[in-house]
């Protein structure tokens, strides 16, 4: 299993696709003010969008077994992906 963001996301590298379906783990920053979601995957996505400007999809949107996961798409320019990873790193450092 590969780790990302200091153990906050876990998953296997994609095998031929440009999507990653990663398990949410560890401590996450609080979701944005006004978030009322009880879904862990929705709260994580709302946090990534609001605090790091990273677009992603909550795993629960793919069915009940997807809860606790986030799907990322890597069909973007390399500089954009590097910027997203840096933004995510800062978000977790700031807590």
PDB file of N, CA and C in Angstrom:
ATOM      1  N   UNK A   1       0.840  -1.180   0.000  1.00  0.00           N
ATOM      2  CA  UNK A   1       0.000   0.000   0.000  1.00  0.00           C
ATOM      3  C   UNK A   1       0.888   1.247   0.000  1.00  0.00           C
ATOM      4  N   UNK A   2       0.526   2.201  -0.788  1.00  0.00           N
ATOM      5  CA  UNK A   2       1.250   3.469  -0.825  1.00  0.00           C
ATOM      6  C   UNK A   2       0.580   4.463   0.112  1.00  0.00           C
ATOM      7  N   UNK A   3       1.383   5.327   0.721  1.00  0.00           N
ATOM      8  CA  UNK A   3       0.835   6.350   1.605  1.00  0.00           C
ATOM      9  C   UNK A   3       0.998   7.712   0.989  1.00  0.00           C
ATOM     10  N   UNK A   4       0.088   8.603   1.325  1.00  0.00           N
ATOM     11  CA  UNK A   4       0.160   9.999   0.889  1.00  0.00           C
ATOM     12  C   UNK A   4      -0.201  10.881   2.062  1.00  0.00           C
ATOM     13  N   UNK A   5       0.295  12.106   2.055  1.00  0.00           N
ATOM     14  CA  UNK A   5      -0.062  13.123   3.056  1.00  0.00           C
ATOM     15  C   UNK A   5       0.134  12.655   4.486  1.00  0.00           C
ATOM     16  N   UNK A   6       1.280  12.042   4.755  1.00  0.00           N
ATOM     17  CA  UNK A   6       1.601  11.678   6.133  1.00  0.00           C
ATOM     18  C   UNK A   6       0.669  10.648   6.733  1.00  0.00           C
ATOM     19  N   UNK A   7       0.204   9.694   5.952  1.00  0.00           N
ATOM     20  CA  UNK A   7      -0.650   8.639   6.471  1.00  0.00           C
ATOM     21  C   UNK A   7      -2.122   8.999   6.536  1.00  0.00           C
ATOM     22  N   UNK A   8      -2.530  10.064   5.920  1.00  0.00           N
ATOM     23  CA  UNK A   8      -3.940  10.456   5.950  1.00  0.00           C
ATOM     24  C   UNK A   8      -4.743   9.849   4.808  1.00  0.00           C
ATOM     25  N   UNK A   9      -4.050   9.385   3.798  1.00  0.00           N
ATOM     26  CA  UNK A   9      -4.686   8.686   2.680  1.00  0.00           C
ATOM     27  C   UNK A   9      -3.874   7.433   2.391  1.00  0.00           C
ATOM     28  N   UNK A  10      -4.549   6.364   2.047  1.00  0.00           N
ATOM     29  CA  UNK A  10      -3.857   5.110   1.770  1.00  0.00           C
ATOM     30  C   UNK A  10      -4.534   4.437   0.577  1.00  0.00           C
ATOM     31  N   UNK A  11      -3.720   3.846  -0.271  1.00  0.00           N
ATOM     32  CA  UNK A  11      -4.271   3.117  -1.402  1.00  0.00           C
ATOM     33  C   UNK A  11      -3.189   2.540  -2.274  1.00  0.00           C
ATOM     34  N   UNK A  12      -3.613   1.853  -3.298  1.00  0.00           N
ATOM     35  CA  UNK A  12      -2.702   1.243  -4.257  1.00  0.00           C
ATOM     36  C   UNK A  12      -2.545   2.179  -5.462  1.00  0.00           C
ATOM     37  N   UNK A  13      -1.354   2.176  -6.078  1.00  0.00           N
ATOM     38  CA  UNK A  13      -1.185   2.979  -7.293  1.00  0.00           C
ATOM     39  C   UNK A  13      -2.153   2.506  -8.382  1.00  0.00           C
ATOM     40  N   UNK A  14      -2.691   3.435  -9.166  1.00  0.00           N
ATOM     41  CA  UNK A  14      -3.588   3.044 -10.257  1.00  0.00           C
ATOM     42  C   UNK A  14      -2.874   2.107 -11.232  1.00  0.00           C
ATOM     43  N   UNK A  15      -3.616   1.168 -11.809  1.00  0.00           N
ATOM     44  CA  UNK A  15      -3.041   0.226 -12.772  1.00  0.00           C
ATOM     45  C   UNK A  15      -3.661   0.487 -14.137  1.00  0.00           C
ATOM     46  N   UNK A  16      -3.146   1.498 -14.821  1.00  0.00           N
ATOM     47  CA  UNK A  16      -3.596   1.786 -16.174  1.00  0.00           C
ATOM     48  C   UNK A  16      -4.659   2.861 -16.267  1.00  0.00           C
ATOM     49  N   UNK A  17      -5.197   3.310 -15.163  1.00  0.00           N
ATOM     50  CA  UNK A  17      -6.217   4.359 -15.171  1.00  0.00           C
ATOM     51  C   UNK A  17      -5.612   5.651 -14.634  1.00  0.00           C
ATOM     52  N   UNK A  18      -6.321   6.732 -14.784  1.00  0.00           N
ATOM     53  CA  UNK A  18      -5.838   8.001 -14.241  1.00  0.00           C
ATOM     54  C   UNK A  18      -6.694   8.449 -13.074  1.00  0.00           C
ATOM     55  N   UNK A  19      -7.175   7.479 -12.301  1.00  0.00           N
ATOM     56  CA  UNK A  19      -7.935   7.731 -11.081  1.00  0.00           C
ATOM     57  C   UNK A  19      -7.282   6.981  -9.933  1.00  0.00           C
ATOM     58  N   UNK A  20      -7.381   7.528  -8.734  1.00  0.00           N
ATOM     59  CA  UNK A  20      -6.963   6.817  -7.527  1.00  0.00           C
ATOM     60  C   UNK A  20      -8.128   6.862  -6.547  1.00  0.00           C
ATOM     61  N   UNK A  21      -8.424   5.739  -5.942  1.00  0.00           N
ATOM     62  CA  UNK A  21      -9.500   5.607  -4.959  1.00  0.00           C
ATOM     63  C   UNK A  21      -8.808   5.320  -3.635  1.00  0.00           C
ATOM     64  N   UNK A  22      -8.643   6.354  -2.810  1.00  0.00           N
ATOM     65  CA  UNK A  22      -7.829   6.252  -1.606  1.00  0.00           C
ATOM     66  C   UNK A  22      -8.679   6.234  -0.340  1.00  0.00           C
ATOM     67  N   UNK A  23      -8.244   5.424   0.622  1.00  0.00           N
ATOM     68  CA  UNK A  23      -8.920   5.337   1.925  1.00  0.00           C
ATOM     69  C   UNK A  23      -8.509   6.514   2.786  1.00  0.00           C
ATOM     70  N   UNK A  24      -9.494   7.107   3.467  1.00  0.00           N
ATOM     71  CA  UNK A  24      -9.260   8.221   4.390  1.00  0.00           C
ATOM     72  C   UNK A  24      -8.803   7.631   5.718  1.00  0.00           C
ATOM     73  N   UNK A  25      -7.656   8.116   6.209  1.00  0.00           N
ATOM     74  CA  UNK A  25      -7.119   7.634   7.486  1.00  0.00           C
ATOM     75  C   UNK A  25      -6.557   8.800   8.275  1.00  0.00           C
ATOM     76  N   UNK A  26      -6.280   8.588   9.526  1.00  0.00           N
ATOM     77  CA  UNK A  26      -5.606   9.575  10.345  1.00  0.00           C
ATOM     78  C   UNK A  26      -6.444  10.794  10.666  1.00  0.00           C
ATOM     79  N   UNK A  27      -5.774  11.777  11.242  1.00  0.00           N
ATOM     80  CA  UNK A  27      -6.430  13.020  11.640  1.00  0.00           C
ATOM     81  C   UNK A  27      -6.562  13.959  10.451  1.00  0.00           C
ATOM     82  N   UNK A  28      -7.731  14.546  10.306  1.00  0.00           N
ATOM     83  CA  UNK A  28      -7.999  15.508   9.239  1.00  0.00           C
ATOM     84  C   UNK A  28      -8.348  16.851   9.848  1.00  0.00           C
ATOM     85  N   UNK A  29      -8.013  17.942   9.159  1.00  0.00           N
ATOM     86  CA  UNK A  29      -8.457  19.259   9.634  1.00  0.00           C
ATOM     87  C   UNK A  29      -9.978  19.307   9.679  1.00  0.00           C
ATOM     88  N   UNK A  30     -10.501  20.198  10.490  1.00  0.00           N
ATOM     89  CA  UNK A  30     -11.955  20.349  10.576  1.00  0.00           C
ATOM     90  C   UNK A  30     -12.533  20.739   9.222  1.00  0.00           C
ATOM     91  N   UNK A  31     -13.744  20.257   8.914  1.00  0.00           N
ATOM     92  CA  UNK A  31     -14.397  20.670   7.666  1.00  0.00           C
ATOM     93  C   UNK A  31     -14.734  22.155   7.720  1.00  0.00           C
ATOM     94  N   UNK A  32     -15.041  22.749   6.578  1.00  0.00           N
ATOM     95  CA  UNK A  32     -15.358  24.179   6.559  1.00  0.00           C
ATOM     96  C   UNK A  32     -16.587  24.489   7.404  1.00  0.00           C
ATOM     97  N   UNK A  33     -16.657  25.731   7.881  1.00  0.00           N
ATOM     98  CA  UNK A  33     -17.821  26.178   8.661  1.00  0.00           C
ATOM     99  C   UNK A  33     -19.081  25.970   7.843  1.00  0.00           C
ATOM    100  N   UNK A  34     -20.119  25.521   8.498  1.00  0.00           N
ATOM    101  CA  UNK A  34     -21.397  25.310   7.832  1.00  0.00           C
ATOM    102  C   UNK A  34     -21.580  23.905   7.284  1.00  0.00           C
ATOM    103  N   UNK A  35     -20.544  23.076   7.323  1.00  0.00           N
ATOM    104  CA  UNK A  35     -20.663  21.704   6.850  1.00  0.00           C
ATOM    105  C   UNK A  35     -21.548  20.926   7.811  1.00  0.00           C
ATOM    106  N   UNK A  36     -22.543  20.270   7.271  1.00  0.00           N
ATOM    107  CA  UNK A  36     -23.435  19.492   8.120  1.00  0.00           C
ATOM    108  C   UNK A  36     -23.420  18.013   7.738  1.00  0.00           C
ATOM    109  N   UNK A  37     -22.505  17.629   6.885  1.00  0.00           N
ATOM    110  CA  UNK A  37     -22.444  16.253   6.415  1.00  0.00           C
ATOM    111  C   UNK A  37     -22.031  15.314   7.540  1.00  0.00           C
ATOM    112  N   UNK A  38     -22.667  14.150   7.587  1.00  0.00           N
ATOM    113  CA  UNK A  38     -22.282  13.117   8.539  1.00  0.00           C
ATOM    114  C   UNK A  38     -21.416  12.062   7.850  1.00  0.00           C
ATOM    115  N   UNK A  39     -21.240  12.172   6.551  1.00  0.00           N
ATOM    116  CA  UNK A  39     -20.440  11.226   5.780  1.00  0.00           C
ATOM    117  C   UNK A  39     -18.956  11.591   5.880  1.00  0.00           C
ATOM    118  N   UNK A  40     -18.107  10.664   6.346  1.00  0.00           N
ATOM    119  CA  UNK A  40     -16.674  10.969   6.408  1.00  0.00           C
ATOM    120  C   UNK A  40     -16.080  11.329   5.053  1.00  0.00           C
ATOM    121  N   UNK A  41     -16.505  10.642   3.998  1.00  0.00           N
ATOM    122  CA  UNK A  41     -15.932  10.965   2.688  1.00  0.00           C
ATOM    123  C   UNK A  41     -16.385  12.344   2.211  1.00  0.00           C
ATOM    124  N   UNK A  42     -17.620  12.726   2.485  1.00  0.00           N
ATOM    125  CA  UNK A  42     -18.080  14.064   2.106  1.00  0.00           C
ATOM    126  C   UNK A  42     -17.370  15.135   2.927  1.00  0.00           C
ATOM    127  N   UNK A  43     -17.165  14.904   4.217  1.00  0.00           N
ATOM    128  CA  UNK A  43     -16.459  15.889   5.051  1.00  0.00           C
ATOM    129  C   UNK A  43     -15.024  16.082   4.566  1.00  0.00           C
ATOM    130  N   UNK A  44     -14.345  14.991   4.212  1.00  0.00           N
ATOM    131  CA  UNK A  44     -12.971  15.099   3.712  1.00  0.00           C
ATOM    132  C   UNK A  44     -12.927  15.863   2.400  1.00  0.00           C
ATOM    133  N   UNK A  45     -13.872  15.585   1.507  1.00  0.00           N
ATOM    134  CA  UNK A  45     -13.917  16.293   0.215  1.00  0.00           C
ATOM    135  C   UNK A  45     -14.213  17.774   0.422  1.00  0.00           C
ATOM    136  N   UNK A  46     -15.173  18.086   1.287  1.00  0.00           N
ATOM    137  CA  UNK A  46     -15.479  19.493   1.564  1.00  0.00           C
ATOM    138  C   UNK A  46     -14.252  20.211   2.119  1.00  0.00           C
ATOM    139  N   UNK A  47     -13.490  19.528   2.963  1.00  0.00           N
ATOM    140  CA  UNK A  47     -12.276  20.115   3.535  1.00  0.00           C
ATOM    141  C   UNK A  47     -11.239  20.357   2.444  1.00  0.00           C
ATOM    142  N   UNK A  48     -11.011  19.375   1.580  1.00  0.00           N
ATOM    143  CA  UNK A  48     -10.024  19.532   0.509  1.00  0.00           C
ATOM    144  C   UNK A  48     -10.409  20.655  -0.452  1.00  0.00           C
ATOM    145  N   UNK A  49     -11.677  20.762  -0.774  1.00  0.00           N
ATOM    146  CA  UNK A  49     -12.128  21.816  -1.695  1.00  0.00           C
ATOM    147  C   UNK A  49     -11.985  23.186  -1.044  1.00  0.00           C
ATOM    148  N   UNK A  50     -12.477  23.323   0.183  1.00  0.00           N
ATOM    149  CA  UNK A  50     -12.490  24.633   0.841  1.00  0.00           C
ATOM    150  C   UNK A  50     -11.100  25.093   1.285  1.00  0.00           C
ATOM    151  N   UNK A  51     -10.300  24.177   1.812  1.00  0.00           N
ATOM    152  CA  UNK A  51      -9.024  24.589   2.402  1.00  0.00           C
ATOM    153  C   UNK A  51      -7.827  24.442   1.481  1.00  0.00           C
ATOM    154  N   UNK A  52      -7.919  23.553   0.471  1.00  0.00           N
ATOM    155  CA  UNK A  52      -6.768  23.322  -0.403  1.00  0.00           C
ATOM    156  C   UNK A  52      -7.097  23.529  -1.883  1.00  0.00           C
ATOM    157  N   UNK A  53      -8.358  23.823  -2.178  1.00  0.00           N
ATOM    158  CA  UNK A  53      -8.805  24.043  -3.561  1.00  0.00           C
ATOM    159  C   UNK A  53      -8.508  22.839  -4.455  1.00  0.00           C
ATOM    160  N   UNK A  54      -8.761  21.643  -3.916  1.00  0.00           N
ATOM    161  CA  UNK A  54      -8.527  20.404  -4.644  1.00  0.00           C
ATOM    162  C   UNK A  54      -9.868  19.742  -4.929  1.00  0.00           C
ATOM    163  N   UNK A  55     -10.165  19.561  -6.179  1.00  0.00           N
ATOM    164  CA  UNK A  55     -11.392  18.895  -6.579  1.00  0.00           C
ATOM    165  C   UNK A  55     -11.233  17.383  -6.494  1.00  0.00           C
ATOM    166  N   UNK A  56     -12.212  16.717  -5.917  1.00  0.00           N
ATOM    167  CA  UNK A  56     -12.205  15.269  -5.777  1.00  0.00           C
ATOM    168  C   UNK A  56     -13.652  14.824  -5.540  1.00  0.00           C
ATOM    169  N   UNK A  57     -13.863  13.520  -5.487  1.00  0.00           N
ATOM    170  CA  UNK A  57     -15.219  12.974  -5.363  1.00  0.00           C
ATOM    171  C   UNK A  57     -15.295  12.077  -4.131  1.00  0.00           C
ATOM    172  N   UNK A  58     -16.330  12.242  -3.301  1.00  0.00           N
ATOM    173  CA  UNK A  58     -16.457  11.367  -2.126  1.00  0.00           C
ATOM    174  C   UNK A  58     -16.756   9.934  -2.558  1.00  0.00           C
ATOM    175  N   UNK A  59     -16.093   8.997  -1.900  1.00  0.00           N
ATOM    176  CA  UNK A  59     -16.279   7.591  -2.247  1.00  0.00           C
ATOM    177  C   UNK A  59     -17.701   7.112  -2.108  1.00  0.00           C
ATOM    178  N   UNK A  60     -18.455   7.676  -1.180  1.00  0.00           N
ATOM    179  CA  UNK A  60     -19.834   7.244  -0.965  1.00  0.00           C
ATOM    180  C   UNK A  60     -20.693   7.478  -2.209  1.00  0.00           C
ATOM    181  N   UNK A  61     -20.275   8.382  -3.090  1.00  0.00           N
ATOM    182  CA  UNK A  61     -21.010   8.591  -4.344  1.00  0.00           C
ATOM    183  C   UNK A  61     -20.942   7.374  -5.267  1.00  0.00           C
ATOM    184  N   UNK A  62     -20.042   6.434  -4.967  1.00  0.00           N
ATOM    185  CA  UNK A  62     -19.911   5.213  -5.761  1.00  0.00           C
ATOM    186  C   UNK A  62     -20.586   4.029  -5.077  1.00  0.00           C
ATOM    187  N   UNK A  63     -21.324   4.298  -4.018  1.00  0.00           N
ATOM    188  CA  UNK A  63     -22.044   3.253  -3.305  1.00  0.00           C
ATOM    189  C   UNK A  63     -21.588   3.158  -1.862  1.00  0.00           C
ATOM    190  N   UNK A  64     -22.334   2.400  -1.073  1.00  0.00           N
ATOM    191  CA  UNK A  64     -22.076   2.299   0.363  1.00  0.00           C
ATOM    192  C   UNK A  64     -20.671   1.790   0.676  1.00  0.00           C
ATOM    193  N   UNK A  65     -20.125   0.902  -0.161  1.00  0.00           N
ATOM    194  CA  UNK A  65     -18.782   0.367   0.095  1.00  0.00           C
ATOM    195  C   UNK A  65     -17.688   1.404  -0.193  1.00  0.00           C
ATOM    196  N   UNK A  66     -18.045   2.509  -0.834  1.00  0.00           N
ATOM    197  CA  UNK A  66     -17.077   3.564  -1.109  1.00  0.00           C
ATOM    198  C   UNK A  66     -16.916   4.546   0.037  1.00  0.00           C
ATOM    199  N   UNK A  67     -17.808   4.462   1.030  1.00  0.00           N
ATOM    200  CA  UNK A  67     -17.686   5.372   2.175  1.00  0.00           C
ATOM    201  C   UNK A  67     -16.322   5.192   2.820  1.00  0.00           C
ATOM    202  N   UNK A  68     -15.736   6.316   3.224  1.00  0.00           N
ATOM    203  CA  UNK A  68     -14.413   6.273   3.823  1.00  0.00           C
ATOM    204  C   UNK A  68     -13.290   6.383   2.805  1.00  0.00           C
ATOM    205  N   UNK A  69     -13.646   6.663   1.544  1.00  0.00           N
ATOM    206  CA  UNK A  69     -12.670   6.813   0.468  1.00  0.00           C
ATOM    207  C   UNK A  69     -12.895   8.136  -0.268  1.00  0.00           C
ATOM    208  N   UNK A  70     -11.880   8.540  -1.026  1.00  0.00           N
ATOM    209  CA  UNK A  70     -11.969   9.702  -1.909  1.00  0.00           C
ATOM    210  C   UNK A  70     -11.402   9.280  -3.258  1.00  0.00           C
ATOM    211  N   UNK A  71     -12.036   9.740  -4.338  1.00  0.00           N
ATOM    212  CA  UNK A  71     -11.503   9.466  -5.675  1.00  0.00           C
ATOM    213  C   UNK A  71     -10.875  10.731  -6.235  1.00  0.00           C
ATOM    214  N   UNK A  72      -9.624  10.592  -6.675  1.00  0.00           N
ATOM    215  CA  UNK A  72      -8.897  11.681  -7.322  1.00  0.00           C
ATOM    216  C   UNK A  72      -8.677  11.321  -8.787  1.00  0.00           C
ATOM    217  N   UNK A  73      -8.734  12.317  -9.647  1.00  0.00           N
ATOM    218  CA  UNK A  73      -8.443  12.137 -11.061  1.00  0.00           C
ATOM    219  C   UNK A  73      -7.115  12.825 -11.367  1.00  0.00           C
ATOM    220  N   UNK A  74      -6.231  12.103 -12.078  1.00  0.00           N
ATOM    221  CA  UNK A  74      -4.914  12.633 -12.408  1.00  0.00           C
ATOM    222  C   UNK A  74      -4.787  13.039 -13.868  1.00  0.00           C
ATOM    223  N   UNK A  75      -5.887  13.223 -14.550  1.00  0.00           N
ATOM    224  CA  UNK A  75      -5.860  13.630 -15.961  1.00  0.00           C
ATOM    225  C   UNK A  75      -5.721  15.153 -16.043  1.00  0.00           C
ATOM    226  N   UNK A  76      -4.634  15.651 -15.502  1.00  0.00           N
ATOM    227  CA  UNK A  76      -4.360  17.090 -15.436  1.00  0.00           C
ATOM    228  C   UNK A  76      -2.900  17.324 -15.815  1.00  0.00           C
ATOM    229  N   UNK A  77      -2.566  18.569 -16.047  1.00  0.00           N
ATOM    230  CA  UNK A  77      -1.199  18.964 -16.329  1.00  0.00           C
ATOM    231  C   UNK A  77      -0.316  18.664 -15.111  1.00  0.00           C
ATOM    232  N   UNK A  78       0.907  18.226 -15.348  1.00  0.00           N
ATOM    233  CA  UNK A  78       1.809  17.857 -14.249  1.00  0.00           C
ATOM    234  C   UNK A  78       2.015  19.009 -13.262  1.00  0.00           C
ATOM    235  N   UNK A  79       2.165  20.237 -13.754  1.00  0.00           N
ATOM    236  CA  UNK A  79       2.354  21.384 -12.849  1.00  0.00           C
ATOM    237  C   UNK A  79       1.127  21.586 -11.965  1.00  0.00           C
ATOM    238  N   UNK A  80      -0.046  21.361 -12.530  1.00  0.00           N
ATOM    239  CA  UNK A  80      -1.279  21.487 -11.746  1.00  0.00           C
ATOM    240  C   UNK A  80      -1.329  20.422 -10.644  1.00  0.00           C
ATOM    241  N   UNK A  81      -0.918  19.204 -10.964  1.00  0.00           N
ATOM    242  CA  UNK A  81      -0.896  18.129  -9.969  1.00  0.00           C
ATOM    243  C   UNK A  81       0.120  18.414  -8.870  1.00  0.00           C
ATOM    244  N   UNK A  82       1.291  18.915  -9.250  1.00  0.00           N
ATOM    245  CA  UNK A  82       2.305  19.263  -8.257  1.00  0.00           C
ATOM    246  C   UNK A  82       1.795  20.372  -7.337  1.00  0.00           C
ATOM    247  N   UNK A  83       1.091  21.353  -7.901  1.00  0.00           N
ATOM    248  CA  UNK A  83       0.512  22.425  -7.092  1.00  0.00           C
ATOM    249  C   UNK A  83      -0.547  21.901  -6.139  1.00  0.00           C
ATOM    250  N   UNK A  84      -1.352  20.952  -6.604  1.00  0.00           N
ATOM    251  CA  UNK A  84      -2.382  20.365  -5.741  1.00  0.00           C
ATOM    252  C   UNK A  84      -1.753  19.611  -4.573  1.00  0.00           C
ATOM    253  N   UNK A  85      -0.694  18.860  -4.840  1.00  0.00           N
ATOM    254  CA  UNK A  85      -0.021  18.129  -3.765  1.00  0.00           C
ATOM    255  C   UNK A  85       0.606  19.091  -2.759  1.00  0.00           C
ATOM    256  N   UNK A  86       1.188  20.172  -3.237  1.00  0.00           N
ATOM    257  CA  UNK A  86       1.766  21.173  -2.340  1.00  0.00           C
ATOM    258  C   UNK A  86       0.667  21.824  -1.492  1.00  0.00           C
ATOM    259  N   UNK A  87      -0.455  22.121  -2.105  1.00  0.00           N
ATOM    260  CA  UNK A  87      -1.580  22.724  -1.391  1.00  0.00           C
ATOM    261  C   UNK A  87      -2.102  21.771  -0.308  1.00  0.00           C
ATOM    262  N   UNK A  88      -2.177  20.488  -0.637  1.00  0.00           N
ATOM    263  CA  UNK A  88      -2.631  19.488   0.336  1.00  0.00           C
ATOM    264  C   UNK A  88      -1.627  19.378   1.482  1.00  0.00           C
ATOM    265  N   UNK A  89      -0.341  19.381   1.164  1.00  0.00           N
ATOM    266  CA  UNK A  89       0.694  19.311   2.191  1.00  0.00           C
ATOM    267  C   UNK A  89       0.571  20.482   3.166  1.00  0.00           C
ATOM    268  N   UNK A  90       0.383  21.695   2.634  1.00  0.00           N
ATOM    269  CA  UNK A  90       0.229  22.876   3.491  1.00  0.00           C
ATOM    270  C   UNK A  90      -1.015  22.780   4.361  1.00  0.00           C
ATOM    271  N   UNK A  91      -2.117  22.293   3.786  1.00  0.00           N
ATOM    272  CA  UNK A  91      -3.349  22.152   4.543  1.00  0.00           C
ATOM    273  C   UNK A  91      -3.154  21.250   5.761  1.00  0.00           C
ATOM    274  N   UNK A  92      -2.469  20.131   5.574  1.00  0.00           N
ATOM    275  CA  UNK A  92      -2.254  19.199   6.683  1.00  0.00           C
ATOM    276  C   UNK A  92      -1.251  19.753   7.688  1.00  0.00           C
ATOM    277  N   UNK A  93      -0.286  20.502   7.249  1.00  0.00           N
ATOM    278  CA  UNK A  93       0.687  21.100   8.178  1.00  0.00           C
ATOM    279  C   UNK A  93       0.021  22.148   9.049  1.00  0.00           C
ATOM    280  N   UNK A  94      -0.885  22.927   8.450  1.00  0.00           N
ATOM    281  CA  UNK A  94      -1.575  23.992   9.184  1.00  0.00           C
ATOM    282  C   UNK A  94      -2.633  23.430  10.110  1.00  0.00           C
ATOM    283  N   UNK A  95      -3.128  22.216   9.776  1.00  0.00           N
ATOM    284  CA  UNK A  95      -4.113  21.559  10.618  1.00  0.00           C
ATOM    285  C   UNK A  95      -5.421  22.173  10.534  1.00  0.00           C
TER     286      UNK A  95
END
